Amino acid sequence: MAVLSHWLLDFLTHRPDLPLWPDATRVGLGLWNSVPATLAMEIGLFVCGILLYVRSTRARDAAGHWTLWALVALLGLIYAGNLLGPPPPDVLAIAWVGHAQWLLVAWGYWIDRHRETV
């Protein structure tokens, strides 16, 4: 399901470069060609994900509450930095940041351990 949903989202955003099968006609709606549409889609998906998680879980303790919102704020700042900041200086910087993103996954896992399903 994750691969299928990812492909469907790629279909919305990519230019026509996604094959339906090997050597097939390539498809894509090209949402990335419109900055406002891209921002609306990405921010909308982020907000929907937060709402789904907050409505389906509840904090067991203060850590489950405050660290969730700290992570949401940090992710928002990272997104704003990606939009407004300069491009990375080199490939090594991209590699370090890519590997450091696993810390965000660990943080999310830790938050989830302090929340329970409603």
PDB file of N, CA and C in Angstrom:
ATOM      1  N   MET A   1       0.830  -1.202   0.000  1.00  0.00           N
ATOM      2  CA  MET A   1       0.000   0.000   0.000  1.00  0.00           C
ATOM      3  C   MET A   1       0.869   1.258   0.000  1.00  0.00           C
ATOM      4  N   ALA A   2       1.999   1.222   0.717  1.00  0.00           N
ATOM      5  CA  ALA A   2       2.861   2.406   0.770  1.00  0.00           C
ATOM      6  C   ALA A   2       3.423   2.727  -0.611  1.00  0.00           C
ATOM      7  N   VAL A   3       3.825   1.703  -1.341  1.00  0.00           N
ATOM      8  CA  VAL A   3       4.374   1.930  -2.681  1.00  0.00           C
ATOM      9  C   VAL A   3       3.289   2.456  -3.605  1.00  0.00           C
ATOM     10  N   LEU A   4       2.096   1.902  -3.536  1.00  0.00           N
ATOM     11  CA  LEU A   4       0.998   2.354  -4.391  1.00  0.00           C
ATOM     12  C   LEU A   4       0.633   3.801  -4.071  1.00  0.00           C
ATOM     13  N   SER A   5       0.487   4.141  -2.796  1.00  0.00           N
ATOM     14  CA  SER A   5       0.121   5.513  -2.449  1.00  0.00           C
ATOM     15  C   SER A   5       1.225   6.480  -2.856  1.00  0.00           C
ATOM     16  N   HIS A   6       2.480   6.073  -2.710  1.00  0.00           N
ATOM     17  CA  HIS A   6       3.587   6.941  -3.116  1.00  0.00           C
ATOM     18  C   HIS A   6       3.545   7.170  -4.624  1.00  0.00           C
ATOM     19  N   TRP A   7       3.271   6.133  -5.384  1.00  0.00           N
ATOM     20  CA  TRP A   7       3.204   6.283  -6.831  1.00  0.00           C
ATOM     21  C   TRP A   7       2.059   7.224  -7.210  1.00  0.00           C
ATOM     22  N   LEU A   8       0.922   7.096  -6.531  1.00  0.00           N
ATOM     23  CA  LEU A   8      -0.211   7.974  -6.845  1.00  0.00           C
ATOM     24  C   LEU A   8       0.117   9.430  -6.546  1.00  0.00           C
ATOM     25  N   LEU A   9       0.805   9.688  -5.431  1.00  0.00           N
ATOM     26  CA  LEU A   9       1.210  11.059  -5.127  1.00  0.00           C
ATOM     27  C   LEU A   9       2.263  11.543  -6.128  1.00  0.00           C
ATOM     28  N   ASP A  10       3.172  10.666  -6.536  1.00  0.00           N
ATOM     29  CA  ASP A  10       4.143  11.031  -7.562  1.00  0.00           C
ATOM     30  C   ASP A  10       3.434  11.366  -8.874  1.00  0.00           C
ATOM     31  N   PHE A  11       2.381  10.633  -9.201  1.00  0.00           N
ATOM     32  CA  PHE A  11       1.606  10.897 -10.414  1.00  0.00           C
ATOM     33  C   PHE A  11       1.075  12.329 -10.408  1.00  0.00           C
ATOM     34  N   LEU A  12       0.618  12.795  -9.255  1.00  0.00           N
ATOM     35  CA  LEU A  12       0.113  14.162  -9.156  1.00  0.00           C
ATOM     36  C   LEU A  12       1.214  15.199  -9.341  1.00  0.00           C
ATOM     37  N   THR A  13       2.383  14.934  -8.799  1.00  0.00           N
ATOM     38  CA  THR A  13       3.421  15.960  -8.740  1.00  0.00           C
ATOM     39  C   THR A  13       4.422  15.925  -9.890  1.00  0.00           C
ATOM     40  N   HIS A  14       4.791  14.762 -10.373  1.00  0.00           N
ATOM     41  CA  HIS A  14       5.840  14.648 -11.389  1.00  0.00           C
ATOM     42  C   HIS A  14       5.362  15.118 -12.757  1.00  0.00           C
ATOM     43  N   ARG A  15       6.341  15.565 -13.543  1.00  0.00           N
ATOM     44  CA  ARG A  15       6.058  15.777 -14.958  1.00  0.00           C
ATOM     45  C   ARG A  15       5.863  14.388 -15.569  1.00  0.00           C
ATOM     46  N   PRO A  16       5.405  14.267 -16.800  1.00  0.00           N
ATOM     47  CA  PRO A  16       5.185  12.935 -17.379  1.00  0.00           C
ATOM     48  C   PRO A  16       6.481  12.132 -17.518  1.00  0.00           C
ATOM     49  N   ASP A  17       6.907  11.496 -16.421  1.00  0.00           N
ATOM     50  CA  ASP A  17       8.117  10.660 -16.455  1.00  0.00           C
ATOM     51  C   ASP A  17       7.923   9.335 -15.713  1.00  0.00           C
ATOM     52  N   LEU A  18       6.691   9.018 -15.339  1.00  0.00           N
ATOM     53  CA  LEU A  18       6.407   7.789 -14.592  1.00  0.00           C
ATOM     54  C   LEU A  18       5.799   6.739 -15.513  1.00  0.00           C
ATOM     55  N   PRO A  19       6.474   5.614 -15.705  1.00  0.00           N
ATOM     56  CA  PRO A  19       5.908   4.571 -16.567  1.00  0.00           C
ATOM     57  C   PRO A  19       4.856   3.751 -15.819  1.00  0.00           C
ATOM     58  N   LEU A  20       3.820   3.353 -16.530  1.00  0.00           N
ATOM     59  CA  LEU A  20       2.813   2.463 -15.940  1.00  0.00           C
ATOM     60  C   LEU A  20       3.351   1.042 -15.861  1.00  0.00           C
ATOM     61  N   TRP A  21       4.225   0.666 -16.782  1.00  0.00           N
ATOM     62  CA  TRP A  21       4.930  -0.612 -16.812  1.00  0.00           C
ATOM     63  C   TRP A  21       6.186  -0.385 -17.649  1.00  0.00           C
ATOM     64  N   PRO A  22       7.113  -1.310 -17.670  1.00  0.00           N
ATOM     65  CA  PRO A  22       8.349  -1.098 -18.444  1.00  0.00           C
ATOM     66  C   PRO A  22       8.060  -0.784 -19.913  1.00  0.00           C
ATOM     67  N   ASP A  23       8.758   0.201 -20.433  1.00  0.00           N
ATOM     68  CA  ASP A  23       8.634   0.641 -21.826  1.00  0.00           C
ATOM     69  C   ASP A  23       7.241   1.135 -22.188  1.00  0.00           C
ATOM     70  N   ALA A  24       6.471   1.598 -21.196  1.00  0.00           N
ATOM     71  CA  ALA A  24       5.116   2.096 -21.450  1.00  0.00           C
ATOM     72  C   ALA A  24       5.143   3.619 -21.604  1.00  0.00           C
ATOM     73  N   THR A  25       4.026   4.159 -21.997  1.00  0.00           N
ATOM     74  CA  THR A  25       3.864   5.606 -22.034  1.00  0.00           C
ATOM     75  C   THR A  25       4.063   6.149 -20.629  1.00  0.00           C
ATOM     76  N   ARG A  26       4.753   7.247 -20.532  1.00  0.00           N
ATOM     77  CA  ARG A  26       5.026   7.839 -19.220  1.00  0.00           C
ATOM     78  C   ARG A  26       3.946   8.865 -18.893  1.00  0.00           C
ATOM     79  N   VAL A  27       3.558   8.900 -17.608  1.00  0.00           N
ATOM     80  CA  VAL A  27       2.461   9.758 -17.179  1.00  0.00           C
ATOM     81  C   VAL A  27       2.906  10.643 -16.013  1.00  0.00           C
ATOM     82  N   GLY A  28       2.108  11.658 -15.728  1.00  0.00           N
ATOM     83  CA  GLY A  28       2.332  12.574 -14.625  1.00  0.00           C
ATOM     84  C   GLY A  28       1.608  13.879 -14.900  1.00  0.00           C
ATOM     85  N   LEU A  29       1.020  14.473 -13.863  1.00  0.00           N
ATOM     86  CA  LEU A  29       0.230  15.692 -14.042  1.00  0.00           C
ATOM     87  C   LEU A  29       1.050  16.975 -13.904  1.00  0.00           C
ATOM     88  N   GLY A  30       2.261  16.891 -13.373  1.00  0.00           N
ATOM     89  CA  GLY A  30       3.136  18.056 -13.329  1.00  0.00           C
ATOM     90  C   GLY A  30       2.759  19.118 -12.320  1.00  0.00           C
ATOM     91  N   LEU A  31       2.246  18.725 -11.168  1.00  0.00           N
ATOM     92  CA  LEU A  31       1.886  19.697 -10.130  1.00  0.00           C
ATOM     93  C   LEU A  31       3.079  20.570  -9.746  1.00  0.00           C
ATOM     94  N   TRP A  32       4.288  20.026  -9.818  1.00  0.00           N
ATOM     95  CA  TRP A  32       5.489  20.784  -9.466  1.00  0.00           C
ATOM     96  C   TRP A  32       5.702  21.985 -10.376  1.00  0.00           C
ATOM     97  N   ASN A  33       5.034  22.041 -11.504  1.00  0.00           N
ATOM     98  CA  ASN A  33       5.160  23.196 -12.387  1.00  0.00           C
ATOM     99  C   ASN A  33       4.482  24.431 -11.814  1.00  0.00           C
ATOM    100  N   SER A  34       3.665  24.256 -10.786  1.00  0.00           N
ATOM    101  CA  SER A  34       2.976  25.364 -10.127  1.00  0.00           C
ATOM    102  C   SER A  34       3.414  25.419  -8.663  1.00  0.00           C
ATOM    103  N   VAL A  35       4.155  26.467  -8.311  1.00  0.00           N
ATOM    104  CA  VAL A  35       4.617  26.602  -6.924  1.00  0.00           C
ATOM    105  C   VAL A  35       3.434  26.724  -5.958  1.00  0.00           C
ATOM    106  N   PRO A  36       2.424  27.574  -6.235  1.00  0.00           N
ATOM    107  CA  PRO A  36       1.296  27.660  -5.294  1.00  0.00           C
ATOM    108  C   PRO A  36       0.559  26.329  -5.117  1.00  0.00           C
ATOM    109  N   ALA A  37       0.355  25.599  -6.202  1.00  0.00           N
ATOM    110  CA  ALA A  37      -0.329  24.304  -6.100  1.00  0.00           C
ATOM    111  C   ALA A  37       0.516  23.307  -5.320  1.00  0.00           C
ATOM    112  N   THR A  38       1.827  23.328  -5.536  1.00  0.00           N
ATOM    113  CA  THR A  38       2.724  22.431  -4.805  1.00  0.00           C
ATOM    114  C   THR A  38       2.690  22.739  -3.316  1.00  0.00           C
ATOM    115  N   LEU A  39       2.781  24.021  -2.967  1.00  0.00           N
ATOM    116  CA  LEU A  39       2.734  24.414  -1.558  1.00  0.00           C
ATOM    117  C   LEU A  39       1.401  24.030  -0.923  1.00  0.00           C
ATOM    118  N   ALA A  40       0.313  24.257  -1.623  1.00  0.00           N
ATOM    119  CA  ALA A  40      -1.005  23.899  -1.095  1.00  0.00           C
ATOM    120  C   ALA A  40      -1.093  22.397  -0.837  1.00  0.00           C
ATOM    121  N   MET A  41      -0.591  21.595  -1.764  1.00  0.00           N
ATOM    122  CA  MET A  41      -0.645  20.138  -1.613  1.00  0.00           C
ATOM    123  C   MET A  41       0.250  19.682  -0.466  1.00  0.00           C
ATOM    124  N   GLU A  42       1.491  20.144  -0.428  1.00  0.00           N
ATOM    125  CA  GLU A  42       2.423  19.682   0.595  1.00  0.00           C
ATOM    126  C   GLU A  42       2.003  20.130   1.994  1.00  0.00           C
ATOM    127  N   ILE A  43       1.636  21.394   2.140  1.00  0.00           N
ATOM    128  CA  ILE A  43       1.214  21.892   3.455  1.00  0.00           C
ATOM    129  C   ILE A  43      -0.100  21.241   3.857  1.00  0.00           C
ATOM    130  N   GLY A  44      -0.991  21.070   2.906  1.00  0.00           N
ATOM    131  CA  GLY A  44      -2.268  20.405   3.200  1.00  0.00           C
ATOM    132  C   GLY A  44      -2.076  18.971   3.679  1.00  0.00           C
ATOM    133  N   LEU A  45      -1.188  18.224   3.036  1.00  0.00           N
ATOM    134  CA  LEU A  45      -0.916  16.850   3.468  1.00  0.00           C
ATOM    135  C   LEU A  45      -0.279  16.816   4.856  1.00  0.00           C
ATOM    136  N   PHE A  46       0.622  17.756   5.135  1.00  0.00           N
ATOM    137  CA  PHE A  46       1.259  17.845   6.447  1.00  0.00           C
ATOM    138  C   PHE A  46       0.211  18.109   7.530  1.00  0.00           C
ATOM    139  N   VAL A  47      -0.655  19.078   7.298  1.00  0.00           N
ATOM    140  CA  VAL A  47      -1.700  19.416   8.272  1.00  0.00           C
ATOM    141  C   VAL A  47      -2.676  18.252   8.445  1.00  0.00           C
ATOM    142  N   CYS A  48      -3.073  17.610   7.362  1.00  0.00           N
ATOM    143  CA  CYS A  48      -3.978  16.452   7.456  1.00  0.00           C
ATOM    144  C   CYS A  48      -3.345  15.320   8.257  1.00  0.00           C
ATOM    145  N   GLY A  49      -2.059  15.057   8.037  1.00  0.00           N
ATOM    146  CA  GLY A  49      -1.362  14.026   8.798  1.00  0.00           C
ATOM    147  C   GLY A  49      -1.334  14.342  10.282  1.00  0.00           C
ATOM    148  N   ILE A  50      -1.068  15.593  10.616  1.00  0.00           N
ATOM    149  CA  ILE A  50      -1.063  16.001  12.027  1.00  0.00           C
ATOM    150  C   ILE A  50      -2.453  15.815  12.626  1.00  0.00           C
ATOM    151  N   LEU A  51      -3.476  16.283  11.930  1.00  0.00           N
ATOM    152  CA  LEU A  51      -4.847  16.159  12.441  1.00  0.00           C
ATOM    153  C   LEU A  51      -5.250  14.701  12.645  1.00  0.00           C
ATOM    154  N   LEU A  52      -4.922  13.844  11.689  1.00  0.00           N
ATOM    155  CA  LEU A  52      -5.254  12.421  11.837  1.00  0.00           C
ATOM    156  C   LEU A  52      -4.565  11.819  13.059  1.00  0.00           C
ATOM    157  N   TYR A  53      -3.292  12.157  13.250  1.00  0.00           N
ATOM    158  CA  TYR A  53      -2.540  11.601  14.383  1.00  0.00           C
ATOM    159  C   TYR A  53      -3.066  12.136  15.708  1.00  0.00           C
ATOM    160  N   VAL A  54      -3.325  13.435  15.778  1.00  0.00           N
ATOM    161  CA  VAL A  54      -3.797  14.039  17.036  1.00  0.00           C
ATOM    162  C   VAL A  54      -5.193  13.535  17.394  1.00  0.00           C
ATOM    163  N   ARG A  55      -6.027  13.319  16.406  1.00  0.00           N
ATOM    164  CA  ARG A  55      -7.391  12.839  16.677  1.00  0.00           C
ATOM    165  C   ARG A  55      -7.439  11.348  17.016  1.00  0.00           C
ATOM    166  N   SER A  56      -6.427  10.594  16.610  1.00  0.00           N
ATOM    167  CA  SER A  56      -6.462   9.156  16.871  1.00  0.00           C
ATOM    168  C   SER A  56      -5.587   8.738  18.051  1.00  0.00           C
ATOM    169  N   THR A  57      -4.859   9.687  18.633  1.00  0.00           N
ATOM    170  CA  THR A  57      -4.029   9.384  19.808  1.00  0.00           C
ATOM    171  C   THR A  57      -4.241  10.455  20.869  1.00  0.00           C
ATOM    172  N   ARG A  58      -3.808  10.134  22.076  1.00  0.00           N
ATOM    173  CA  ARG A  58      -3.821  11.133  23.154  1.00  0.00           C
ATOM    174  C   ARG A  58      -2.554  10.939  23.965  1.00  0.00           C
ATOM    175  N   ALA A  59      -2.078  12.048  24.511  1.00  0.00           N
ATOM    176  CA  ALA A  59      -0.839  12.014  25.284  1.00  0.00           C
ATOM    177  C   ALA A  59      -1.049  11.265  26.593  1.00  0.00           C
ATOM    178  N   ARG A  60      -0.093  10.399  26.939  1.00  0.00           N
ATOM    179  CA  ARG A  60      -0.101   9.714  28.232  1.00  0.00           C
ATOM    180  C   ARG A  60       0.484  10.604  29.320  1.00  0.00           C
ATOM    181  N   ASP A  61       1.363  11.518  28.908  1.00  0.00           N
ATOM    182  CA  ASP A  61       2.050  12.380  29.866  1.00  0.00           C
ATOM    183  C   ASP A  61       2.457  13.669  29.149  1.00  0.00           C
ATOM    184  N   ALA A  62       3.135  14.549  29.879  1.00  0.00           N
ATOM    185  CA  ALA A  62       3.549  15.832  29.299  1.00  0.00           C
ATOM    186  C   ALA A  62       4.492  15.633  28.119  1.00  0.00           C
ATOM    187  N   ALA A  63       5.347  14.631  28.192  1.00  0.00           N
ATOM    188  CA  ALA A  63       6.276  14.376  27.085  1.00  0.00           C
ATOM    189  C   ALA A  63       5.517  14.045  25.806  1.00  0.00           C
ATOM    190  N   GLY A  64       4.440  13.292  25.921  1.00  0.00           N
ATOM    191  CA  GLY A  64       3.642  12.937  24.758  1.00  0.00           C
ATOM    192  C   GLY A  64       2.929  14.120  24.144  1.00  0.00           C
ATOM    193  N   HIS A  65       2.725  15.163  24.921  1.00  0.00           N
ATOM    194  CA  HIS A  65       2.075  16.373  24.416  1.00  0.00           C
ATOM    195  C   HIS A  65       3.093  17.356  23.839  1.00  0.00           C
ATOM    196  N   TRP A  66       4.041  17.778  24.666  1.00  0.00           N
ATOM    197  CA  TRP A  66       4.954  18.854  24.284  1.00  0.00           C
ATOM    198  C   TRP A  66       5.957  18.444  23.219  1.00  0.00           C
ATOM    199  N   THR A  67       6.444  17.222  23.272  1.00  0.00           N
ATOM    200  CA  THR A  67       7.430  16.825  22.266  1.00  0.00           C
ATOM    201  C   THR A  67       6.794  16.652  20.888  1.00  0.00           C
ATOM    202  N   LEU A  68       5.518  16.276  20.853  1.00  0.00           N
ATOM    203  CA  LEU A  68       4.825  16.206  19.566  1.00  0.00           C
ATOM    204  C   LEU A  68       4.798  17.585  18.919  1.00  0.00           C
ATOM    205  N   TRP A  69       4.394  18.595  19.677  1.00  0.00           N
ATOM    206  CA  TRP A  69       4.287  19.935  19.104  1.00  0.00           C
ATOM    207  C   TRP A  69       5.654  20.543  18.829  1.00  0.00           C
ATOM    208  N   ALA A  70       6.653  20.144  19.586  1.00  0.00           N
ATOM    209  CA  ALA A  70       8.018  20.598  19.293  1.00  0.00           C
ATOM    210  C   ALA A  70       8.485  20.016  17.955  1.00  0.00           C
ATOM    211  N   LEU A  71       8.178  18.742  17.700  1.00  0.00           N
ATOM    212  CA  LEU A  71       8.546  18.115  16.433  1.00  0.00           C
ATOM    213  C   LEU A  71       7.794  18.769  15.276  1.00  0.00           C
ATOM    214  N   VAL A  72       6.502  19.025  15.453  1.00  0.00           N
ATOM    215  CA  VAL A  72       5.721  19.687  14.405  1.00  0.00           C
ATOM    216  C   VAL A  72       6.326  21.059  14.091  1.00  0.00           C
ATOM    217  N   ALA A  73       6.690  21.812  15.132  1.00  0.00           N
ATOM    218  CA  ALA A  73       7.294  23.134  14.926  1.00  0.00           C
ATOM    219  C   ALA A  73       8.636  23.012  14.203  1.00  0.00           C
ATOM    220  N   LEU A  74       9.466  22.057  14.611  1.00  0.00           N
ATOM    221  CA  LEU A  74      10.756  21.877  13.960  1.00  0.00           C
ATOM    222  C   LEU A  74      10.579  21.501  12.491  1.00  0.00           C
ATOM    223  N   LEU A  75       9.653  20.597  12.205  1.00  0.00           N
ATOM    224  CA  LEU A  75       9.415  20.204  10.814  1.00  0.00           C
ATOM    225  C   LEU A  75       8.931  21.399   9.989  1.00  0.00           C
ATOM    226  N   GLY A  76       8.098  22.252  10.602  1.00  0.00           N
ATOM    227  CA  GLY A  76       7.655  23.470   9.913  1.00  0.00           C
ATOM    228  C   GLY A  76       8.817  24.407   9.623  1.00  0.00           C
ATOM    229  N   LEU A  77       9.722  24.559  10.591  1.00  0.00           N
ATOM    230  CA  LEU A  77      10.900  25.404  10.383  1.00  0.00           C
ATOM    231  C   LEU A  77      11.819  24.829   9.302  1.00  0.00           C
ATOM    232  N   ILE A  78      11.992  23.522   9.308  1.00  0.00           N
ATOM    233  CA  ILE A  78      12.814  22.882   8.279  1.00  0.00           C
ATOM    234  C   ILE A  78      12.201  23.111   6.896  1.00  0.00           C
ATOM    235  N   TYR A  79      10.883  22.966   6.803  1.00  0.00           N
ATOM    236  CA  TYR A  79      10.205  23.177   5.520  1.00  0.00           C
ATOM    237  C   TYR A  79      10.384  24.621   5.054  1.00  0.00           C
ATOM    238  N   ALA A  80      10.195  25.573   5.969  1.00  0.00           N
ATOM    239  CA  ALA A  80      10.373  26.982   5.619  1.00  0.00           C
ATOM    240  C   ALA A  80      11.814  27.247   5.182  1.00  0.00           C
ATOM    241  N   GLY A  81      12.768  26.643   5.877  1.00  0.00           N
ATOM    242  CA  GLY A  81      14.168  26.806   5.491  1.00  0.00           C
ATOM    243  C   GLY A  81      14.454  26.250   4.107  1.00  0.00           C
ATOM    244  N   ASN A  82      13.811  25.131   3.783  1.00  0.00           N
ATOM    245  CA  ASN A  82      13.981  24.555   2.442  1.00  0.00           C
ATOM    246  C   ASN A  82      13.408  25.465   1.364  1.00  0.00           C
ATOM    247  N   LEU A  83      12.297  26.120   1.689  1.00  0.00           N
ATOM    248  CA  LEU A  83      11.662  27.006   0.710  1.00  0.00           C
ATOM    249  C   LEU A  83      12.420  28.317   0.539  1.00  0.00           C
ATOM    250  N   LEU A  84      12.864  28.883   1.651  1.00  0.00           N
ATOM    251  CA  LEU A  84      13.397  30.238   1.627  1.00  0.00           C
ATOM    252  C   LEU A  84      14.923  30.320   1.655  1.00  0.00           C
ATOM    253  N   GLY A  85      15.567  29.242   2.047  1.00  0.00           N
ATOM    254  CA  GLY A  85      17.016  29.265   2.194  1.00  0.00           C
ATOM    255  C   GLY A  85      17.751  28.968   0.901  1.00  0.00           C
ATOM    256  N   PRO A  86      19.069  29.122   0.944  1.00  0.00           N
ATOM    257  CA  PRO A  86      19.876  28.813  -0.243  1.00  0.00           C
ATOM    258  C   PRO A  86      19.974  27.307  -0.453  1.00  0.00           C
ATOM    259  N   PRO A  87      20.364  26.888  -1.636  1.00  0.00           N
ATOM    260  CA  PRO A  87      20.554  25.450  -1.879  1.00  0.00           C
ATOM    261  C   PRO A  87      21.744  24.935  -1.073  1.00  0.00           C
ATOM    262  N   PRO A  88      21.807  23.637  -0.854  1.00  0.00           N
ATOM    263  CA  PRO A  88      22.941  23.066  -0.123  1.00  0.00           C
ATOM    264  C   PRO A  88      24.259  23.397  -0.826  1.00  0.00           C
ATOM    265  N   PRO A  89      25.334  23.566  -0.044  1.00  0.00           N
ATOM    266  CA  PRO A  89      26.610  23.946  -0.655  1.00  0.00           C
ATOM    267  C   PRO A  89      27.259  22.844  -1.484  1.00  0.00           C
ATOM    268  N   ASP A  90      27.011  21.579  -1.109  1.00  0.00           N
ATOM    269  CA  ASP A  90      27.619  20.480  -1.853  1.00  0.00           C
ATOM    270  C   ASP A  90      26.897  19.173  -1.540  1.00  0.00           C
ATOM    271  N   VAL A  91      27.296  18.127  -2.220  1.00  0.00           N
ATOM    272  CA  VAL A  91      26.661  16.819  -2.057  1.00  0.00           C
ATOM    273  C   VAL A  91      26.902  16.254  -0.662  1.00  0.00           C
ATOM    274  N   LEU A  92      28.047  16.532  -0.081  1.00  0.00           N
ATOM    275  CA  LEU A  92      28.348  16.041   1.263  1.00  0.00           C
ATOM    276  C   LEU A  92      27.352  16.597   2.284  1.00  0.00           C
ATOM    277  N   ALA A  93      26.990  17.851   2.153  1.00  0.00           N
ATOM    278  CA  ALA A  93      26.000  18.443   3.059  1.00  0.00           C
ATOM    279  C   ALA A  93      24.649  17.746   2.918  1.00  0.00           C
ATOM    280  N   ILE A  94      24.265  17.440   1.693  1.00  0.00           N
ATOM    281  CA  ILE A  94      23.010  16.723   1.456  1.00  0.00           C
ATOM    282  C   ILE A  94      23.070  15.345   2.108  1.00  0.00           C
ATOM    283  N   ALA A  95      24.197  14.679   1.984  1.00  0.00           N
ATOM    284  CA  ALA A  95      24.354  13.346   2.578  1.00  0.00           C
ATOM    285  C   ALA A  95      24.243  13.404   4.095  1.00  0.00           C
ATOM    286  N   TRP A  96      24.901  14.372   4.728  1.00  0.00           N
ATOM    287  CA  TRP A  96      24.837  14.481   6.194  1.00  0.00           C
ATOM    288  C   TRP A  96      23.415  14.762   6.670  1.00  0.00           C
ATOM    289  N   VAL A  97      22.746  15.676   6.002  1.00  0.00           N
ATOM    290  CA  VAL A  97      21.368  15.997   6.390  1.00  0.00           C
ATOM    291  C   VAL A  97      20.458  14.797   6.144  1.00  0.00           C
ATOM    292  N   GLY A  98      20.668  14.095   5.047  1.00  0.00           N
ATOM    293  CA  GLY A  98      19.863  12.898   4.766  1.00  0.00           C
ATOM    294  C   GLY A  98      20.000  11.847   5.851  1.00  0.00           C
ATOM    295  N   HIS A  99      21.220  11.627   6.297  1.00  0.00           N
ATOM    296  CA  HIS A  99      21.422  10.653   7.378  1.00  0.00           C
ATOM    297  C   HIS A  99      20.888  11.163   8.705  1.00  0.00           C
ATOM    298  N   ALA A 100      21.007  12.457   8.954  1.00  0.00           N
ATOM    299  CA  ALA A 100      20.524  13.035  10.213  1.00  0.00           C
ATOM    300  C   ALA A 100      19.003  12.956  10.320  1.00  0.00           C
ATOM    301  N   GLN A 101      18.309  12.818   9.200  1.00  0.00           N
ATOM    302  CA  GLN A 101      16.848  12.727   9.240  1.00  0.00           C
ATOM    303  C   GLN A 101      16.378  11.504  10.023  1.00  0.00           C
ATOM    304  N   TRP A 102      17.237  10.498  10.176  1.00  0.00           N
ATOM    305  CA  TRP A 102      16.857   9.338  10.987  1.00  0.00           C
ATOM    306  C   TRP A 102      16.623   9.746  12.436  1.00  0.00           C
ATOM    307  N   LEU A 103      17.225  10.840  12.881  1.00  0.00           N
ATOM    308  CA  LEU A 103      16.957  11.336  14.232  1.00  0.00           C
ATOM    309  C   LEU A 103      15.499  11.778  14.370  1.00  0.00           C
ATOM    310  N   LEU A 104      14.924  12.305  13.293  1.00  0.00           N
ATOM    311  CA  LEU A 104      13.510  12.689  13.315  1.00  0.00           C
ATOM    312  C   LEU A 104      12.616  11.453  13.431  1.00  0.00           C
ATOM    313  N   VAL A 105      12.997  10.383  12.765  1.00  0.00           N
ATOM    314  CA  VAL A 105      12.241   9.128  12.872  1.00  0.00           C
ATOM    315  C   VAL A 105      12.296   8.610  14.305  1.00  0.00           C
ATOM    316  N   ALA A 106      13.483   8.637  14.912  1.00  0.00           N
ATOM    317  CA  ALA A 106      13.628   8.190  16.302  1.00  0.00           C
ATOM    318  C   ALA A 106      12.812   9.075  17.236  1.00  0.00           C
ATOM    319  N   TRP A 107      12.815  10.368  16.986  1.00  0.00           N
ATOM    320  CA  TRP A 107      12.032  11.298  17.803  1.00  0.00           C
ATOM    321  C   TRP A 107      10.541  10.968  17.680  1.00  0.00           C
ATOM    322  N   GLY A 108      10.059  10.734  16.470  1.00  0.00           N
ATOM    323  CA  GLY A 108       8.660  10.359  16.271  1.00  0.00           C
ATOM    324  C   GLY A 108       8.313   9.061  16.981  1.00  0.00           C
ATOM    325  N   TYR A 109       9.209   8.096  16.927  1.00  0.00           N
ATOM    326  CA  TYR A 109       8.994   6.826  17.631  1.00  0.00           C
ATOM    327  C   TYR A 109       8.903   7.071  19.136  1.00  0.00           C
ATOM    328  N   TRP A 110       9.778   7.901  19.663  1.00  0.00           N
ATOM    329  CA  TRP A 110       9.776   8.206  21.097  1.00  0.00           C
ATOM    330  C   TRP A 110       8.476   8.910  21.488  1.00  0.00           C
ATOM    331  N   ILE A 111       8.019   9.845  20.664  1.00  0.00           N
ATOM    332  CA  ILE A 111       6.743  10.514  20.931  1.00  0.00           C
ATOM    333  C   ILE A 111       5.614   9.505  20.967  1.00  0.00           C
ATOM    334  N   ASP A 112       5.618   8.603  20.004  1.00  0.00           N
ATOM    335  CA  ASP A 112       4.536   7.612  19.920  1.00  0.00           C
ATOM    336  C   ASP A 112       4.494   6.715  21.154  1.00  0.00           C
ATOM    337  N   ARG A 113       5.638   6.480  21.766  1.00  0.00           N
ATOM    338  CA  ARG A 113       5.688   5.669  23.003  1.00  0.00           C
ATOM    339  C   ARG A 113       5.045   6.410  24.174  1.00  0.00           C
ATOM    340  N   HIS A 114       4.870   7.727  24.054  1.00  0.00           N
ATOM    341  CA  HIS A 114       4.261   8.533  25.106  1.00  0.00           C
ATOM    342  C   HIS A 114       2.833   8.929  24.758  1.00  0.00           C
ATOM    343  N   ARG A 115       2.273   8.263  23.772  1.00  0.00           N
ATOM    344  CA  ARG A 115       0.878   8.518  23.380  1.00  0.00           C
ATOM    345  C   ARG A 115       0.147   7.186  23.294  1.00  0.00           C
ATOM    346  N   GLU A 116      -1.162   7.225  23.349  1.00  0.00           N
ATOM    347  CA  GLU A 116      -1.961   6.013  23.255  1.00  0.00           C
ATOM    348  C   GLU A 116      -3.102   6.223  22.263  1.00  0.00           C
ATOM    349  N   THR A 117      -3.569   5.129  21.701  1.00  0.00           N
ATOM    350  CA  THR A 117      -4.662   5.191  20.736  1.00  0.00           C
ATOM    351  C   THR A 117      -5.958   5.522  21.464  1.00  0.00           C
ATOM    352  N   VAL A 118      -6.742   6.389  20.829  1.00  0.00           N
ATOM    353  CA  VAL A 118      -8.034   6.799  21.421  1.00  0.00           C
ATOM    354  C   VAL A 118      -9.077   5.762  21.116  1.00  0.00           C
TER     355      VAL A 118
END
